[in-house]
C-alpha atoms as a PDB file:
ATOM      1  CA  MET A   1      10.939 -16.931   5.527  1.00  0.00           C
ATOM      2  CA  ASP A   2      14.748 -16.749   4.709  1.00  0.00           C
ATOM      3  CA  THR A   3      16.824 -13.995   5.993  1.00  0.00           C
ATOM      4  CA  ASP A   4      16.699 -11.711   2.937  1.00  0.00           C
ATOM      5  CA  ASP A   5      12.744 -11.998   2.948  1.00  0.00           C
ATOM      6  CA  ALA A   6      12.138 -11.649   6.626  1.00  0.00           C
ATOM      7  CA  ALA A   7      14.019  -8.284   6.781  1.00  0.00           C
ATOM      8  CA  LEU A   8      12.506  -6.706   3.452  1.00  0.00           C
ATOM      9  CA  LEU A   9       9.254  -7.750   4.938  1.00  0.00           C
ATOM     10  CA  SER A  10      10.627  -6.471   8.597  1.00  0.00           C
ATOM     11  CA  ASP A  11      11.822  -2.878   6.425  1.00  0.00           C
ATOM     12  CA  SER A  12       8.530  -2.544   4.723  1.00  0.00           C
ATOM     13  CA  LEU A  13       6.465  -2.718   7.724  1.00  0.00           C
ATOM     14  CA  VAL A  14       8.770  -0.425   9.426  1.00  0.00           C
ATOM     15  CA  ALA A  15       9.131   1.782   7.055  1.00  0.00           C
ATOM     16  CA  ALA A  16       5.162   2.566   6.651  1.00  0.00           C
ATOM     17  CA  ASP A  17       5.133   3.086  10.444  1.00  0.00           C
ATOM     18  CA  LEU A  18       8.187   5.917   9.741  1.00  0.00           C
ATOM     19  CA  ARG A  19       5.719   7.708   7.215  1.00  0.00           C
ATOM     20  CA  GLY A  20       2.902   7.451   9.287  1.00  0.00           C
ATOM     21  CA  ILE A  21       0.918   4.690   7.451  1.00  0.00           C
ATOM     22  CA  HIS A  22       0.158   2.793  10.797  1.00  0.00           C
ATOM     23  CA  SER A  23      -2.701   0.985   9.096  1.00  0.00           C
ATOM     24  CA  HIS A  24       0.207  -0.974   7.244  1.00  0.00           C
ATOM     25  CA  GLY A  25       2.712  -1.068   9.629  1.00  0.00           C
ATOM     26  CA  VAL A  26       3.740  -3.082  12.513  1.00  0.00           C
ATOM     27  CA  LEU A  27      -0.114  -3.710  13.000  1.00  0.00           C
ATOM     28  CA  ARG A  28      -0.241  -6.107  10.601  1.00  0.00           C
ATOM     29  CA  ALA A  29       2.467  -8.265  12.231  1.00  0.00           C
ATOM     30  CA  PRO A  30       0.204 -10.731  13.933  1.00  0.00           C
ATOM     31  CA  GLU A  31      -1.557 -11.099  10.781  1.00  0.00           C
ATOM     32  CA  TYR A  32       0.983 -12.070   8.496  1.00  0.00           C
ATOM     33  CA  VAL A  33       2.518 -14.250  11.362  1.00  0.00           C
ATOM     34  CA  GLY A  34      -1.148 -15.982  11.479  1.00  0.00           C
ATOM     35  CA  LYS A  35      -0.659 -16.050   7.572  1.00  0.00           C
ATOM     36  CA  LEU A  36       2.767 -17.433   7.429  1.00  0.00           C
ATOM     37  CA  LEU A  37       2.138 -20.475  10.571  1.00  0.00           C
ATOM     38  CA  GLY A  38      -1.228 -21.565   8.738  1.00  0.00           C
ATOM     39  CA  GLY A  39      -3.219 -19.293   6.755  1.00  0.00           C
ATOM     40  CA  GLY A  40      -1.683 -21.099   3.360  1.00  0.00           C
ATOM     41  CA  VAL A  41       0.900 -18.368   2.296  1.00  0.00           C
ATOM     42  CA  ASP A  42       4.855 -20.194   1.740  1.00  0.00           C
ATOM     43  CA  PRO A  43       6.955 -18.298   3.838  1.00  0.00           C
ATOM     44  CA  LYS A  44       9.655 -19.849   0.914  1.00  0.00           C
ATOM     45  CA  GLY A  45       7.259 -18.809  -2.221  1.00  0.00           C
ATOM     46  CA  ARG A  46       9.730 -17.706  -5.103  1.00  0.00           C
ATOM     47  CA  PRO A  47       8.534 -14.767  -7.214  1.00  0.00           C
ATOM     48  CA  ARG A  48       9.939 -15.992 -10.960  1.00  0.00           C
ATOM     49  CA  VAL A  49       9.188 -14.409 -14.303  1.00  0.00           C
ATOM     50  CA  VAL A  50       7.019 -16.446 -16.336  1.00  0.00           C
ATOM     51  CA  ARG A  51       6.255 -14.251 -19.321  1.00  0.00           C
ATOM     52  CA  ASP A  52       8.926 -11.678 -21.027  1.00  0.00           C
ATOM     53  CA  SER A  53       7.633 -10.024 -24.139  1.00  0.00           C
ATOM     54  CA  ALA A  54      10.170  -6.758 -24.360  1.00  0.00           C
ATOM     55  CA  ALA A  55       8.694  -4.214 -22.289  1.00  0.00           C
ATOM     56  CA  ALA A  56       6.343  -6.431 -20.712  1.00  0.00           C
ATOM     57  CA  LEU A  57       6.634  -9.010 -17.987  1.00  0.00           C
ATOM     58  CA  VAL A  58       4.528 -11.434 -16.620  1.00  0.00           C
ATOM     59  CA  VAL A  59       5.824 -12.354 -12.708  1.00  0.00           C
ATOM     60  CA  ASP A  60       4.264 -15.539 -11.015  1.00  0.00           C
ATOM     61  CA  GLY A  61       4.918 -14.242  -6.529  1.00  0.00           C
ATOM     62  CA  GLY A  62       5.126 -18.040  -6.185  1.00  0.00           C
ATOM     63  CA  ASN A  63       2.085 -17.660  -3.416  1.00  0.00           C
ATOM     64  CA  SER A  64       4.966 -15.741  -1.207  1.00  0.00           C
ATOM     65  CA  MET A  65       4.044 -12.446   0.908  1.00  0.00           C
ATOM     66  CA  GLY A  66       2.574  -9.882  -1.205  1.00  0.00           C
ATOM     67  CA  GLN A  67       6.112  -7.527  -0.539  1.00  0.00           C
ATOM     68  CA  ILE A  68       8.134 -10.389  -1.796  1.00  0.00           C
ATOM     69  CA  GLY A  69       6.840 -10.734  -4.731  1.00  0.00           C
ATOM     70  CA  ALA A  70       5.582  -6.677  -5.650  1.00  0.00           C
ATOM     71  CA  HIS A  71       9.285  -5.661  -4.392  1.00  0.00           C
ATOM     72  CA  PHE A  72      10.757  -8.536  -7.103  1.00  0.00           C
ATOM     73  CA  ALA A  73       8.304  -6.663  -9.605  1.00  0.00           C
ATOM     74  CA  MET A  74       9.796  -3.742  -9.405  1.00  0.00           C
ATOM     75  CA  ARG A  75      13.067  -4.790  -9.593  1.00  0.00           C
ATOM     76  CA  GLN A  76      12.615  -6.455 -12.997  1.00  0.00           C
ATOM     77  CA  ALA A  77      10.364  -3.368 -14.407  1.00  0.00           C
ATOM     78  CA  ILE A  78      13.883  -1.176 -13.428  1.00  0.00           C
ATOM     79  CA  VAL A  79      16.102  -3.398 -15.140  1.00  0.00           C
ATOM     80  CA  ARG A  80      13.763  -3.176 -17.937  1.00  0.00           C
ATOM     81  CA  ALA A  81      12.586   0.488 -18.456  1.00  0.00           C
ATOM     82  CA  ARG A  82      17.133   0.851 -18.052  1.00  0.00           C
ATOM     83  CA  THR A  83      16.390  -0.535 -21.815  1.00  0.00           C
ATOM     84  CA  THR A  84      13.130   0.395 -23.238  1.00  0.00           C
ATOM     85  CA  ASN A  85      12.510   3.395 -21.083  1.00  0.00           C
ATOM     86  CA  VAL A  86       9.074   2.401 -19.776  1.00  0.00           C
ATOM     87  CA  ALA A  87       8.222  -1.500 -18.568  1.00  0.00           C
ATOM     88  CA  ALA A  88       5.585  -3.171 -16.529  1.00  0.00           C
ATOM     89  CA  ALA A  89       5.587  -6.368 -14.433  1.00  0.00           C
ATOM     90  CA  ALA A  90       2.127  -7.885 -14.233  1.00  0.00           C
ATOM     91  CA  VAL A  91       1.819  -9.887 -10.566  1.00  0.00           C
ATOM     92  CA  ARG A  92      -0.143 -12.932  -9.960  1.00  0.00           C
ATOM     93  CA  GLY A  93       0.391 -15.805  -7.561  1.00  0.00           C
ATOM     94  CA  SER A  94       0.765 -13.042  -4.674  1.00  0.00           C
ATOM     95  CA  ASN A  95      -0.632 -12.279  -1.414  1.00  0.00           C
ATOM     96  CA  HIS A  96      -1.537  -8.492   0.832  1.00  0.00           C
ATOM     97  CA  CYS A  97       1.342  -6.594  -0.205  1.00  0.00           C
ATOM     98  CA  GLY A  98       1.397  -3.852   1.922  1.00  0.00           C
ATOM     99  CA  ALA A  99       2.163   0.303   1.662  1.00  0.00           C
ATOM    100  CA  LEU A 100       2.542   0.636  -2.162  1.00  0.00           C
ATOM    101  CA  SER A 101       4.458   3.603  -1.770  1.00  0.00           C
ATOM    102  CA  TYR A 102       7.133   0.866  -0.857  1.00  0.00           C
ATOM    103  CA  TYR A 103       7.290  -0.193  -4.257  1.00  0.00           C
ATOM    104  CA  ALA A 104       7.047   3.000  -6.415  1.00  0.00           C
ATOM    105  CA  MET A 105       9.832   4.559  -4.082  1.00  0.00           C
ATOM    106  CA  GLN A 106      12.471   1.751  -5.312  1.00  0.00           C
ATOM    107  CA  ALA A 107      11.874   4.006  -8.717  1.00  0.00           C
ATOM    108  CA  LEU A 108      13.166   7.291  -6.940  1.00  0.00           C
ATOM    109  CA  GLU A 109      17.199   6.034  -6.891  1.00  0.00           C
ATOM    110  CA  GLU A 110      17.328   5.130 -10.489  1.00  0.00           C
ATOM    111  CA  ASN A 111      15.877   8.613 -11.480  1.00  0.00           C
ATOM    112  CA  MET A 112      12.952   6.619 -12.899  1.00  0.00           C
ATOM    113  CA  ILE A 113       9.077   7.182 -11.979  1.00  0.00           C
ATOM    114  CA  GLY A 114       7.656   4.511  -9.771  1.00  0.00           C
ATOM    115  CA  ILE A 115       3.982   3.415 -10.525  1.00  0.00           C
ATOM    116  CA  ALA A 116       2.223   0.495  -8.086  1.00  0.00           C
ATOM    117  CA  MET A 117      -1.178  -0.573  -8.031  1.00  0.00           C
ATOM    118  CA  THR A 118      -2.825  -3.646  -6.656  1.00  0.00           C
ATOM    119  CA  ASN A 119      -5.811  -5.424  -6.281  1.00  0.00           C
ATOM    120  CA  ALA A 120      -7.949  -5.766  -2.727  1.00  0.00           C
ATOM    121  CA  LEU A 121     -10.494  -7.996  -0.980  1.00  0.00           C
ATOM    122  CA  PRO A 122     -14.156  -6.509  -1.711  1.00  0.00           C
ATOM    123  CA  THR A 123     -15.374  -3.603   0.804  1.00  0.00           C
ATOM    124  CA  MET A 124     -16.949  -1.163  -1.559  1.00  0.00           C
ATOM    125  CA  ALA A 125     -20.027  -1.473  -3.247  1.00  0.00           C
ATOM    126  CA  PRO A 126     -20.943  -0.202  -6.648  1.00  0.00           C
ATOM    127  CA  TRP A 127     -22.294   3.218  -6.118  1.00  0.00           C
ATOM    128  CA  GLY A 128     -26.040   2.991  -4.927  1.00  0.00           C
ATOM    129  CA  GLY A 129     -25.367  -0.708  -4.090  1.00  0.00           C
ATOM    130  CA  LEU A 130     -24.924  -2.957  -0.977  1.00  0.00           C
ATOM    131  CA  ASP A 131     -22.802  -5.871  -2.642  1.00  0.00           C
ATOM    132  CA  LYS A 132     -19.360  -6.139  -1.381  1.00  0.00           C
ATOM    133  CA  VAL A 133     -17.823  -6.797  -5.171  1.00  0.00           C
ATOM    134  CA  VAL A 134     -14.986  -3.796  -5.477  1.00  0.00           C
ATOM    135  CA  GLY A 135     -12.349  -3.324  -3.843  1.00  0.00           C
ATOM    136  CA  ILE A 136     -10.088  -0.301  -3.078  1.00  0.00           C
ATOM    137  CA  ASN A 137      -7.309  -1.078  -5.305  1.00  0.00           C
ATOM    138  CA  PRO A 138      -5.264   1.812  -4.509  1.00  0.00           C
ATOM    139  CA  LEU A 139      -2.490   2.924  -6.540  1.00  0.00           C
ATOM    140  CA  ALA A 140       0.757   4.615  -5.766  1.00  0.00           C
ATOM    141  CA  ILE A 141       3.157   7.122  -7.833  1.00  0.00           C
ATOM    142  CA  ALA A 142       6.319   8.160  -7.041  1.00  0.00           C
ATOM    143  CA  VAL A 143       8.295  11.500  -8.847  1.00  0.00           C
ATOM    144  CA  PRO A 144      12.051  11.940  -7.975  1.00  0.00           C
ATOM    145  CA  ALA A 145      12.608  15.750  -7.143  1.00  0.00           C
ATOM    146  CA  ASP A 146      15.944  17.435  -6.758  1.00  0.00           C
ATOM    147  CA  GLU A 147      16.233  19.264  -3.835  1.00  0.00           C
ATOM    148  CA  CYS A 148      13.144  18.909  -2.344  1.00  0.00           C
ATOM    149  CA  HIS A 149      11.072  15.751  -1.018  1.00  0.00           C
ATOM    150  CA  PRO A 150       9.982  13.269  -4.299  1.00  0.00           C
ATOM    151  CA  LEU A 151       5.844  13.763  -5.149  1.00  0.00           C
ATOM    152  CA  VAL A 152       4.884  10.710  -3.584  1.00  0.00           C
ATOM    153  CA  PHE A 153       0.953   9.460  -3.990  1.00  0.00           C
ATOM    154  CA  ASP A 154      -0.196   6.388  -2.074  1.00  0.00           C
ATOM    155  CA  ALA A 155      -3.857   6.155  -1.544  1.00  0.00           C
ATOM    156  CA  ALA A 156      -7.022   3.745  -2.292  1.00  0.00           C
ATOM    157  CA  PHE A 157     -10.394   4.701  -4.194  1.00  0.00           C
ATOM    158  CA  SER A 158     -12.386   4.884  -0.954  1.00  0.00           C
ATOM    159  CA  TYR A 159     -11.902   7.208   2.119  1.00  0.00           C
ATOM    160  CA  SER A 160     -10.311   4.898   4.349  1.00  0.00           C
ATOM    161  CA  SER A 161      -8.855   1.679   4.374  1.00  0.00           C
ATOM    162  CA  HIS A 162     -10.340  -1.263   7.027  1.00  0.00           C
ATOM    163  CA  GLY A 163      -6.508  -0.943   8.690  1.00  0.00           C
ATOM    164  CA  LYS A 164      -6.725   2.939   9.310  1.00  0.00           C
ATOM    165  CA  ILE A 165     -10.795   2.025  10.539  1.00  0.00           C
ATOM    166  CA  ARG A 166      -9.101  -0.479  12.996  1.00  0.00           C
ATOM    167  CA  VAL A 167      -6.357   2.098  14.422  1.00  0.00           C
ATOM    168  CA  TYR A 168      -9.789   4.471  15.400  1.00  0.00           C
ATOM    169  CA  GLN A 169     -11.405   1.091  16.956  1.00  0.00           C
ATOM    170  CA  GLN A 170      -8.531   0.136  19.274  1.00  0.00           C
ATOM    171  CA  LYS A 171      -8.252   4.048  19.789  1.00  0.00           C
ATOM    172  CA  GLY A 172     -11.868   4.141  20.846  1.00  0.00           C
ATOM    173  CA  GLU A 173     -12.304   7.192  18.760  1.00  0.00           C
ATOM    174  CA  ALA A 174     -15.204   7.736  16.133  1.00  0.00           C
ATOM    175  CA  ILE A 175     -14.079   7.713  12.632  1.00  0.00           C
ATOM    176  CA  PRO A 176     -15.459  10.821  10.285  1.00  0.00           C
ATOM    177  CA  SER A 177     -18.754  10.336   8.762  1.00  0.00           C
ATOM    178  CA  ALA A 178     -17.261  10.558   5.236  1.00  0.00           C
ATOM    179  CA  TRP A 179     -15.465   7.470   5.688  1.00  0.00           C
ATOM    180  CA  ALA A 180     -18.117   4.041   5.429  1.00  0.00           C
ATOM    181  CA  PHE A 181     -21.905   2.663   5.473  1.00  0.00           C
ATOM    182  CA  ASP A 182     -23.127   0.167   8.148  1.00  0.00           C
ATOM    183  CA  LYS A 183     -24.225  -2.696   6.148  1.00  0.00           C
ATOM    184  CA  GLU A 184     -27.605  -0.887   5.520  1.00  0.00           C
ATOM    185  CA  GLY A 185     -26.131   1.780   3.525  1.00  0.00           C
ATOM    186  CA  HIS A 186     -26.253   4.728   5.538  1.00  0.00           C
ATOM    187  CA  PRO A 187     -23.473   6.767   6.605  1.00  0.00           C
ATOM    188  CA  THR A 188     -21.477   5.753   9.942  1.00  0.00           C
ATOM    189  CA  THR A 189     -19.036   7.369  12.664  1.00  0.00           C
ATOM    190  CA  ASP A 190     -19.110   3.935  14.508  1.00  0.00           C
ATOM    191  CA  ALA A 191     -15.452   2.123  13.931  1.00  0.00           C
ATOM    192  CA  ALA A 192     -17.152  -1.497  14.680  1.00  0.00           C
ATOM    193  CA  LYS A 193     -20.097  -0.723  12.487  1.00  0.00           C
ATOM    194  CA  ALA A 194     -18.142   0.465   9.817  1.00  0.00           C
ATOM    195  CA  LEU A 195     -15.940  -3.088   9.579  1.00  0.00           C
ATOM    196  CA  GLU A 196     -18.751  -4.681   9.188  1.00  0.00           C
ATOM    197  CA  GLY A 197     -20.370  -2.692   6.662  1.00  0.00           C
ATOM    198  CA  LEU A 198     -19.193  -0.874   3.606  1.00  0.00           C
ATOM    199  CA  LEU A 199     -16.389   1.541   2.863  1.00  0.00           C
ATOM    200  CA  GLN A 200     -17.175   4.717   1.262  1.00  0.00           C
ATOM    201  CA  PRO A 201     -15.487   5.819  -2.101  1.00  0.00           C
ATOM    202  CA  ILE A 202     -13.685   8.669  -2.656  1.00  0.00           C
ATOM    203  CA  GLY A 203     -15.635  10.585  -5.184  1.00  0.00           C
ATOM    204  CA  GLU A 204     -19.163   8.935  -5.219  1.00  0.00           C
ATOM    205  CA  TYR A 205     -19.602   7.004  -8.580  1.00  0.00           C
ATOM    206  CA  LYS A 206     -15.871   8.297  -9.710  1.00  0.00           C
ATOM    207  CA  GLY A 207     -13.971   6.781  -6.634  1.00  0.00           C
ATOM    208  CA  VAL A 208     -15.907   3.375  -7.368  1.00  0.00           C
ATOM    209  CA  GLY A 209     -15.503   3.510 -11.227  1.00  0.00           C
ATOM    210  CA  LEU A 210     -11.524   4.010 -10.832  1.00  0.00           C
ATOM    211  CA  ALA A 211     -11.187   1.154  -8.461  1.00  0.00           C
ATOM    212  CA  ILE A 212     -12.977  -0.961 -10.916  1.00  0.00           C
ATOM    213  CA  LEU A 213     -10.413  -0.183 -13.500  1.00  0.00           C
ATOM    214  CA  PHE A 214      -7.453  -0.675 -11.450  1.00  0.00           C
ATOM    215  CA  GLY A 215      -8.609  -3.424  -9.814  1.00  0.00           C
ATOM    216  CA  VAL A 216      -8.964  -4.777 -13.587  1.00  0.00           C
ATOM    217  CA  LEU A 217      -5.590  -3.485 -14.466  1.00  0.00           C
ATOM    218  CA  SER A 218      -3.971  -5.484 -11.526  1.00  0.00           C
ATOM    219  CA  SER A 219      -5.675  -8.478 -11.931  1.00  0.00           C
ATOM    220  CA  LEU A 220      -6.400  -9.253 -15.302  1.00  0.00           C
ATOM    221  CA  LEU A 221      -3.504  -8.542 -17.136  1.00  0.00           C
ATOM    222  CA  SER A 222      -1.706 -11.136 -15.074  1.00  0.00           C
ATOM    223  CA  GLY A 223      -4.787 -13.730 -14.635  1.00  0.00           C
ATOM    224  CA  ALA A 224      -4.696 -13.038 -11.418  1.00  0.00           C
ATOM    225  CA  ALA A 225      -7.947 -13.352  -8.870  1.00  0.00           C
ATOM    226  CA  TYR A 226     -10.809 -10.217  -9.311  1.00  0.00           C
ATOM    227  CA  GLY A 227     -13.745  -8.994  -6.643  1.00  0.00           C
ATOM    228  CA  ASP A 228     -14.639 -11.616  -4.327  1.00  0.00           C
ATOM    229  CA  GLY A 229     -12.806 -13.620  -6.175  1.00  0.00           C
ATOM    230  CA  LEU A 230     -10.068 -13.047  -3.832  1.00  0.00           C
ATOM    231  CA  GLY A 231     -12.375 -13.882  -0.955  1.00  0.00           C
ATOM    232  CA  ASN A 232     -13.715 -11.600   1.583  1.00  0.00           C
ATOM    233  CA  MET A 233     -13.111  -9.692   5.211  1.00  0.00           C
ATOM    234  CA  VAL A 234     -15.437 -12.571   7.236  1.00  0.00           C
ATOM    235  CA  GLU A 235     -13.586 -15.512   6.036  1.00  0.00           C
ATOM    236  CA  GLY A 236     -10.184 -13.931   4.924  1.00  0.00           C
ATOM    237  CA  ALA A 237      -8.175 -13.967   2.001  1.00  0.00           C
ATOM    238  CA  LYS A 238      -7.723 -16.817  -0.572  1.00  0.00           C
ATOM    239  CA  PRO A 239      -4.232 -17.373  -0.282  1.00  0.00           C
ATOM    240  CA  GLY A 240      -1.899 -17.110  -3.457  1.00  0.00           C
ATOM    241  CA  LEU A 241      -4.432 -15.327  -5.710  1.00  0.00           C
ATOM    242  CA  ASP A 242      -3.556 -11.662  -5.281  1.00  0.00           C
ATOM    243  CA  GLY A 243      -2.757  -9.263  -8.211  1.00  0.00           C
ATOM    244  CA  HIS A 244      -0.283  -6.298  -8.844  1.00  0.00           C
ATOM    245  CA  LEU A 245       0.595  -3.901 -11.791  1.00  0.00           C
ATOM    246  CA  ILE A 246       4.174  -2.294 -10.918  1.00  0.00           C
ATOM    247  CA  MET A 247       5.527  -0.072 -13.567  1.00  0.00           C
ATOM    248  CA  ALA A 248       8.839   2.132 -13.945  1.00  0.00           C
ATOM    249  CA  ILE A 249       9.218   5.023 -16.324  1.00  0.00           C
ATOM    250  CA  ARG A 250      13.123   6.447 -17.369  1.00  0.00           C
ATOM    251  CA  ILE A 251      12.916   9.856 -16.889  1.00  0.00           C
ATOM    252  CA  ALA A 252      16.032   9.912 -19.324  1.00  0.00           C
ATOM    253  CA  GLY A 253      14.208   8.611 -22.098  1.00  0.00           C
ATOM    254  CA  PHE A 254      12.232  11.417 -22.090  1.00  0.00           C
ATOM    255  CA  GLU A 255      13.545  14.387 -20.831  1.00  0.00           C
ATOM    256  CA  ASP A 256      16.799  15.150 -19.051  1.00  0.00           C
ATOM    257  CA  PRO A 257      16.429  14.014 -15.528  1.00  0.00           C
ATOM    258  CA  ALA A 258      18.270  17.001 -13.749  1.00  0.00           C
ATOM    259  CA  ARG A 259      15.888  19.489 -15.565  1.00  0.00           C
ATOM    260  CA  PHE A 260      13.061  17.034 -15.125  1.00  0.00           C
ATOM    261  CA  LYS A 261      13.812  17.052 -11.140  1.00  0.00           C
ATOM    262  CA  SER A 262      14.483  20.624 -11.029  1.00  0.00           C
ATOM    263  CA  ARG A 263      11.125  21.345 -12.478  1.00  0.00           C
ATOM    264  CA  VAL A 264       9.343  19.315  -9.979  1.00  0.00           C
ATOM    265  CA  ASP A 265      11.020  21.180  -7.202  1.00  0.00           C
ATOM    266  CA  GLY A 266       9.657  24.009  -9.013  1.00  0.00           C
ATOM    267  CA  VAL A 267       6.372  22.428  -8.436  1.00  0.00           C
ATOM    268  CA  ILE A 268       6.509  21.385  -5.061  1.00  0.00           C
ATOM    269  CA  ARG A 269       7.401  24.948  -3.830  1.00  0.00           C
ATOM    270  CA  GLN A 270       4.843  26.475  -5.708  1.00  0.00           C
ATOM    271  CA  ILE A 271       2.244  24.030  -3.602  1.00  0.00           C
ATOM    272  CA  GLU A 272       4.581  24.552  -0.743  1.00  0.00           C
ATOM    273  CA  THR A 273       4.792  28.624  -0.890  1.00  0.00           C
ATOM    274  CA  GLY A 274       1.190  29.287  -1.818  1.00  0.00           C
ATOM    275  CA  ARG A 275      -1.307  30.824   0.544  1.00  0.00           C
ATOM    276  CA  ALA A 276      -3.524  28.893   3.019  1.00  0.00           C
ATOM    277  CA  ARG A 277      -7.195  29.433   3.705  1.00  0.00           C
ATOM    278  CA  GLN A 278      -7.697  30.448   7.720  1.00  0.00           C
ATOM    279  CA  GLY A 279      -6.835  27.458   9.889  1.00  0.00           C
ATOM    280  CA  ILE A 280      -4.349  25.924   7.653  1.00  0.00           C
ATOM    281  CA  GLU A 281      -1.023  26.388   8.960  1.00  0.00           C
ATOM    282  CA  LYS A 282       0.930  24.942   5.789  1.00  0.00           C
ATOM    283  CA  LEU A 283       0.343  23.535   2.606  1.00  0.00           C
ATOM    284  CA  PHE A 284       1.897  20.038   1.549  1.00  0.00           C
ATOM    285  CA  ALA A 285       2.508  18.651  -2.179  1.00  0.00           C
ATOM    286  CA  PRO A 286       2.049  14.797  -2.535  1.00  0.00           C
ATOM    287  CA  GLY A 287       4.123  13.223  -0.168  1.00  0.00           C
ATOM    288  CA  GLY A 288       5.201  16.593   1.975  1.00  0.00           C
ATOM    289  CA  VAL A 289       2.995  15.018   4.822  1.00  0.00           C
ATOM    290  CA  GLU A 290       4.882  11.871   4.896  1.00  0.00           C
ATOM    291  CA  ALA A 291       8.468  13.233   4.891  1.00  0.00           C
ATOM    292  CA  GLN A 292       7.416  15.303   7.357  1.00  0.00           C
ATOM    293  CA  ILE A 293       6.238  13.008   9.773  1.00  0.00           C
ATOM    294  CA  GLU A 294       9.264  10.834   8.639  1.00  0.00           C
ATOM    295  CA  GLN A 295      11.748  13.327   9.791  1.00  0.00           C
ATOM    296  CA  GLU A 296       9.975  13.457  13.457  1.00  0.00           C
ATOM    297  CA  HIS A 297      10.002   9.281  14.379  1.00  0.00           C
ATOM    298  CA  THR A 298      13.595   8.793  12.632  1.00  0.00           C
ATOM    299  CA  ALA A 299      14.177  11.795  15.418  1.00  0.00           C
ATOM    300  CA  ARG A 300      11.637  10.664  18.050  1.00  0.00           C
ATOM    301  CA  GLY A 301      10.798   7.593  17.694  1.00  0.00           C
ATOM    302  CA  ILE A 302       7.330   5.580  16.186  1.00  0.00           C
ATOM    303  CA  PRO A 303       4.282   6.113  18.158  1.00  0.00           C
ATOM    304  CA  LEU A 304       2.294   2.937  18.901  1.00  0.00           C
ATOM    305  CA  THR A 305      -0.949   2.159  20.399  1.00  0.00           C
ATOM    306  CA  GLU A 306      -1.512  -0.315  23.056  1.00  0.00           C
ATOM    307  CA  ASP A 307      -3.189  -2.856  21.009  1.00  0.00           C
ATOM    308  CA  THR A 308      -0.362  -2.735  18.349  1.00  0.00           C
ATOM    309  CA  LEU A 309       2.118  -3.557  20.996  1.00  0.00           C
ATOM    310  CA  GLU A 310       0.276  -6.350  22.367  1.00  0.00           C
ATOM    311  CA  GLY A 311      -0.468  -7.686  19.112  1.00  0.00           C
ATOM    312  CA  LEU A 312       3.473  -7.977  19.030  1.00  0.00           C
ATOM    313  CA  ASN A 313       3.916  -9.037  22.056  1.00  0.00           C
ATOM    314  CA  GLN A 314       1.393 -12.124  21.289  1.00  0.00           C
ATOM    315  CA  ALA A 315       3.111 -12.818  17.758  1.00  0.00           C
ATOM    316  CA  ALA A 316       6.309 -12.828  19.525  1.00  0.00           C
ATOM    317  CA  LEU A 317       5.137 -15.319  21.876  1.00  0.00           C
ATOM    318  CA  ARG A 318       3.841 -17.249  19.424  1.00  0.00           C
ATOM    319  CA  THR A 319       6.718 -17.688  17.337  1.00  0.00           C
ATOM    320  CA  GLN A 320       8.586 -18.519  20.338  1.00  0.00           C
ATOM    321  CA  VAL A 321      10.815 -15.157  20.284  1.00  0.00           C
ATOM    322  CA  ASP A 322      12.437 -14.459  23.262  1.00  0.00           C
ATOM    323  CA  ARG A 323      11.475 -10.647  23.614  1.00  0.00           C
ATOM    324  CA  ARG A 324       8.680  -8.882  25.376  1.00  0.00           C
ATOM    325  CA  ILE A 325       7.720  -5.346  24.590  1.00  0.00           C
ATOM    326  CA  ARG A 326       7.968  -3.664  27.955  1.00  0.00           C
ATOM    327  CA  ASP A 327       7.037   0.011  28.364  1.00  0.00           C
ATOM    328  CA  GLY A 328       6.785   0.521  24.657  1.00  0.00           C
ATOM    329  CA  LEU A 329      10.047  -0.679  24.140  1.00  0.00           C
ATOM    330  CA  TRP A 330      11.524  -4.339  22.575  1.00  0.00           C
END
């Protein structure tokens, strides 16, 4: 990759770890190295706008890493929203793009609301089914505040992700029973059985319905692949077929930004100063937990599992990077 693209991809991984989203942090580095070295992803791929119609854009990612295409799409949406107040960029020709909050939060510094969604490899079944034809198809929304942390929601429509279950497997810990089914459709706490089985949706049939709809929005508007057309968790993703939908909403087109952000502060304080039930130390508005973790990790460093550290070592060796991780430090 060129220097700017490599820096962007690296920054997106560290940013995820910094906010405690380890399932989309440097844990992914060995996988991404594989995609770039021989997995069909073009390290020199360049995203470009292929359709431009007022507030609607279509971006072809050029089979670049998903982070490159998604970041480009949000920049285009932000620039267009300065004129049209609301803008959307549908992306095709892309790949796995990591934590969606990274792109939604790009809009914050522009006094805009950022929205990002993506399709994903199928890991869920329609409610009551056993066939993996539905992705967890996550959604992220970032809303600026004034004095408080921004409101940031970033979640898939499953109780957990494969990446998070992999972290539990690395630690040798049991997963909660609501996270996954085994391959026969029974709830399981065994991380290994979960990885070969099905992810459980949030809210049962409601979660699957939302996943299907956000998958359609992420894929069909740009012409990207959908469902099992993306590949599978055994053989891997088919390069360059992922799709995303990236949106920016200019607050000034609707309301005075200062008043809006002050009222967002009010929403956050109302939530976070509310009464908590027994056993709960503090209430958090969306994004509050991650903001607190980010402060702690910035001050003390980011904790990583031994498996993640070894994965980075192996990726460094594979790419002939003359550095090794020793005692948890580069």
